[in-house]
């Protein structure tokens, strides 16, 4: 478990967690992100997904809020999304 410099855990599981993915292909980028998150986190709550188009219309920022159950789960989601060719940035 990751720890803060004072020895306290950074995250305690389960916890509500928001992940933001920014990517190309605004028409179908949101479903791509949601599919990957759901594969590892299960069904999402209603209103768990929010998207915003960049000012130039080239990128879409997708924020997904879900219940994270472990650091391994988060690492797996970040690894899969981060390795996808259409994902430009993860926060």
Protein backbone atom coordinates (compact mmCIF):
# COMPACT_ATOMS: atom_id res chain seq x y z
CA UNK A 1 0.00 0.00 0.00
CA UNK A 2 1.36 3.43 -0.91
CA UNK A 3 2.04 5.57 2.12
CA UNK A 4 2.31 9.26 2.73
CA UNK A 5 5.62 10.42 4.17
CA UNK A 6 4.05 10.43 7.65
CA UNK A 7 3.21 6.73 7.36
CA UNK A 8 -0.51 7.14 6.68
CA UNK A 9 -1.98 5.34 3.64
CA UNK A 10 -2.67 7.56 0.63
CA UNK A 11 -5.86 5.65 -0.17
CA UNK A 12 -8.04 3.43 1.97
CA UNK A 13 -10.10 0.87 0.05
CA UNK A 14 -12.85 0.67 -0.95
CA UNK A 15 -13.01 4.32 -1.94
CA UNK A 16 -14.73 6.56 -4.46
CA UNK A 17 -12.19 7.34 -7.16
CA UNK A 18 -12.30 9.68 -10.17
CA UNK A 19 -10.14 9.00 -13.18
CA UNK A 20 -9.80 11.37 -16.14
CA UNK A 21 -8.72 10.18 -19.58
CA UNK A 22 -8.05 12.60 -22.41
CA UNK A 23 -7.98 11.28 -25.93
CA UNK A 24 -8.63 11.51 -29.63
CA UNK A 25 -11.65 10.38 -31.61
CA UNK A 26 -14.33 12.34 -29.82
CA UNK A 27 -17.19 10.36 -31.40
CA UNK A 28 -16.42 7.09 -29.61
CA UNK A 29 -13.74 7.86 -27.03
CA UNK A 30 -16.15 7.95 -24.07
CA UNK A 31 -17.49 4.41 -24.67
CA UNK A 32 -13.91 3.15 -25.03
CA UNK A 33 -12.90 4.57 -21.63
CA UNK A 34 -16.10 3.36 -19.94
CA UNK A 35 -15.65 -0.16 -21.36
CA UNK A 36 -12.11 -0.44 -19.99
CA UNK A 37 -13.05 0.90 -16.55
CA UNK A 38 -16.13 -1.34 -16.30
CA UNK A 39 -14.07 -4.38 -17.28
CA UNK A 40 -12.11 -3.95 -14.05
CA UNK A 41 -14.53 -2.08 -11.77
CA UNK A 42 -17.94 -3.50 -12.71
CA UNK A 43 -21.13 -1.56 -13.29
CA UNK A 44 -21.00 2.21 -12.86
CA UNK A 45 -23.49 4.35 -10.99
CA UNK A 46 -25.79 6.64 -12.96
CA UNK A 47 -24.06 10.00 -13.53
CA UNK A 48 -20.63 8.37 -13.06
CA UNK A 49 -19.35 9.56 -16.44
CA UNK A 50 -18.81 13.15 -17.51
CA UNK A 51 -17.21 14.31 -20.75
CA UNK A 52 -15.96 17.63 -22.02
CA UNK A 53 -14.78 18.53 -25.51
CA UNK A 54 -11.60 20.59 -25.87
CA UNK A 55 -11.98 24.14 -27.14
CA UNK A 56 -10.56 23.12 -30.54
CA UNK A 57 -12.78 20.05 -30.73
CA UNK A 58 -9.84 17.68 -31.21
CA UNK A 59 -9.81 15.99 -27.78
CA UNK A 60 -12.36 14.67 -25.34
CA UNK A 61 -11.81 14.55 -21.58
CA UNK A 62 -13.75 11.72 -19.93
CA UNK A 63 -14.05 11.58 -16.14
CA UNK A 64 -15.26 8.31 -14.64
CA UNK A 65 -16.07 7.98 -10.94
CA UNK A 66 -16.23 4.46 -9.54
CA UNK A 67 -15.60 2.48 -6.37
CA UNK A 68 -11.98 1.41 -6.31
CA UNK A 69 -11.39 -1.76 -4.35
CA UNK A 70 -7.58 -2.04 -4.40
CA UNK A 71 -4.34 -0.47 -5.58
CA UNK A 72 -3.91 -3.43 -7.96
CA UNK A 73 -7.28 -2.66 -9.56
CA UNK A 74 -6.31 0.98 -10.10
CA UNK A 75 -2.90 0.02 -11.47
CA UNK A 76 -4.53 -2.39 -13.94
CA UNK A 77 -7.01 0.24 -15.15
CA UNK A 78 -4.29 2.89 -15.53
CA UNK A 79 -2.00 0.42 -17.30
CA UNK A 80 -4.66 -0.61 -19.83
CA UNK A 81 -5.87 2.92 -20.51
CA UNK A 82 -2.33 4.31 -20.59
CA UNK A 83 -1.31 1.70 -23.13
CA UNK A 84 -4.16 2.47 -25.49
CA UNK A 85 -3.10 4.35 -28.63
CA UNK A 86 -5.98 6.84 -28.41
CA UNK A 87 -5.34 7.92 -24.81
CA UNK A 88 -3.18 11.05 -24.75
CA UNK A 89 -3.17 11.68 -20.99
CA UNK A 90 -4.45 10.14 -17.75
CA UNK A 91 -5.08 12.01 -14.54
